[in-house]
Protein backbone atom coordinates (compact mmCIF):
# COMPACT_ATOMS: atom_id res chain seq x y z
CA MET A 1 -23.99 -5.69 1.11
CA ILE A 2 -24.14 -9.41 2.45
CA ASP A 3 -20.98 -10.85 4.48
CA VAL A 4 -19.86 -14.61 4.03
CA LEU A 5 -17.58 -16.88 4.91
CA VAL A 6 -15.97 -19.31 1.99
CA THR A 7 -14.38 -22.59 2.82
CA TYR A 8 -13.08 -25.39 0.99
CA ASP A 9 -11.01 -28.47 0.74
CA ILE A 10 -9.57 -29.33 -2.63
CA ALA A 11 -8.21 -32.64 -3.14
CA THR A 12 -4.30 -32.43 -4.31
CA PRO A 13 -2.94 -35.96 -4.63
CA ASP A 14 -1.88 -35.10 -8.17
CA GLN A 15 -0.83 -31.98 -10.27
CA ALA A 16 -4.38 -31.23 -11.52
CA GLY A 17 -5.35 -31.35 -7.79
CA HIS A 18 -2.76 -28.76 -7.02
CA ARG A 19 -4.05 -26.54 -10.28
CA ARG A 20 -7.37 -26.47 -8.97
CA LEU A 21 -6.62 -25.62 -5.29
CA GLN A 22 -4.61 -22.40 -6.71
CA ARG A 23 -7.59 -21.46 -9.47
CA VAL A 24 -9.86 -21.66 -6.47
CA ALA A 25 -7.79 -19.71 -4.28
CA ARG A 26 -7.36 -17.03 -7.19
CA VAL A 27 -10.92 -16.73 -7.34
CA CYS A 28 -11.51 -16.14 -3.49
CA GLU A 29 -8.79 -13.43 -3.31
CA GLN A 30 -10.92 -11.79 -6.24
CA PHE A 31 -13.90 -11.26 -3.38
CA GLY A 32 -12.35 -11.38 -0.07
CA ASP A 33 -9.89 -11.18 2.48
CA ARG A 34 -8.18 -14.72 3.17
CA LEU A 35 -8.08 -15.71 6.89
CA GLN A 36 -6.23 -19.19 6.89
CA TYR A 37 -5.06 -21.43 4.13
CA SER A 38 -8.78 -22.46 2.73
CA VAL A 39 -11.03 -19.68 4.64
CA PHE A 40 -12.08 -16.49 3.35
CA GLU A 41 -14.10 -13.91 4.41
CA CYS A 42 -16.11 -11.70 1.72
CA ARG A 43 -18.14 -8.55 1.59
CA VAL A 44 -20.17 -9.15 -1.59
CA SER A 45 -23.48 -7.95 -3.43
CA GLU A 46 -26.16 -10.40 -4.50
CA VAL A 47 -24.70 -10.25 -7.98
CA SER A 48 -21.29 -10.68 -6.97
CA LEU A 49 -22.26 -13.57 -4.76
CA GLU A 50 -23.86 -15.73 -7.85
CA ARG A 51 -20.71 -14.69 -9.66
CA LEU A 52 -18.21 -16.35 -6.86
CA ALA A 53 -20.41 -19.20 -6.91
CA VAL A 54 -20.49 -19.69 -10.40
CA MET A 55 -17.04 -19.35 -10.77
CA LEU A 56 -16.09 -21.48 -8.07
CA GLN A 57 -18.20 -24.25 -9.27
CA ALA A 58 -16.28 -23.87 -12.58
CA GLU A 59 -13.47 -24.62 -10.93
CA ILE A 60 -13.52 -27.56 -8.44
CA ASP A 61 -13.95 -31.02 -9.28
CA PRO A 62 -17.36 -32.07 -7.48
CA SER A 63 -16.40 -35.72 -7.01
CA HIS A 64 -13.21 -34.96 -5.03
CA ASP A 65 -13.62 -30.98 -4.04
CA SER A 66 -15.83 -29.16 -1.58
CA VAL A 67 -16.53 -25.67 -1.15
CA HIS A 68 -18.85 -24.30 1.52
CA ILE A 69 -20.17 -20.49 1.58
CA TYR A 70 -21.79 -19.29 4.89
CA ARG A 71 -24.03 -16.44 4.60
CA PHE A 72 -24.32 -13.96 7.76
CA ALA A 73 -27.84 -12.51 8.68
CA GLY A 74 -26.07 -9.66 10.14
CA PRO A 75 -22.66 -7.96 9.88
CA LEU A 76 -19.75 -10.63 9.91
CA ALA A 77 -18.00 -8.39 12.99
CA GLN A 78 -21.11 -9.25 15.14
CA ALA A 79 -20.80 -12.96 14.34
CA ARG A 80 -17.08 -13.24 14.60
CA ARG A 81 -15.12 -14.42 18.13
CA SER A 82 -11.70 -14.57 17.17
CA LEU A 83 -8.89 -16.26 19.66
CA GLY A 84 -5.03 -15.57 19.14
CA LEU A 85 -3.57 -13.69 16.50
CA ALA A 86 -5.93 -11.25 15.04
CA VAL A 87 -6.21 -10.35 11.57
CA LYS A 88 -5.74 -6.65 11.08
CA ARG A 89 -8.34 -5.19 8.66
CA GLU A 90 -10.07 -1.61 8.65
CA GLN A 91 -13.74 -2.38 10.04
CA GLY A 92 -16.20 -0.26 8.15
CA THR A 93 -14.47 -0.20 4.83
CA PRO A 94 -15.88 -1.82 2.17
CA TRP A 95 -14.20 -5.20 1.10
CA ILE A 96 -15.34 -5.39 -2.57
CA LEU A 97 -16.87 -2.95 -4.57
């Protein structure tokens, strides 16, 4: 399994932008856990990572929106340093099957 961080910025000056934002969030919710409004931690297979990228690409307007997927070399728990309110999650259990 691969740990990735997905961040996005969707332009919402109109109703179409709001709909894109909702669709992008729904895609991300299928693959991981929301940390902040537009930040998700995901544990995925190689195949699921490619599917995630394809699904996100289909939902955005590349001339106005951006999505970044950061892949971690090791476990996310080793790369993460959190300050403030903690996100409660059972460590060691799969996020996505």
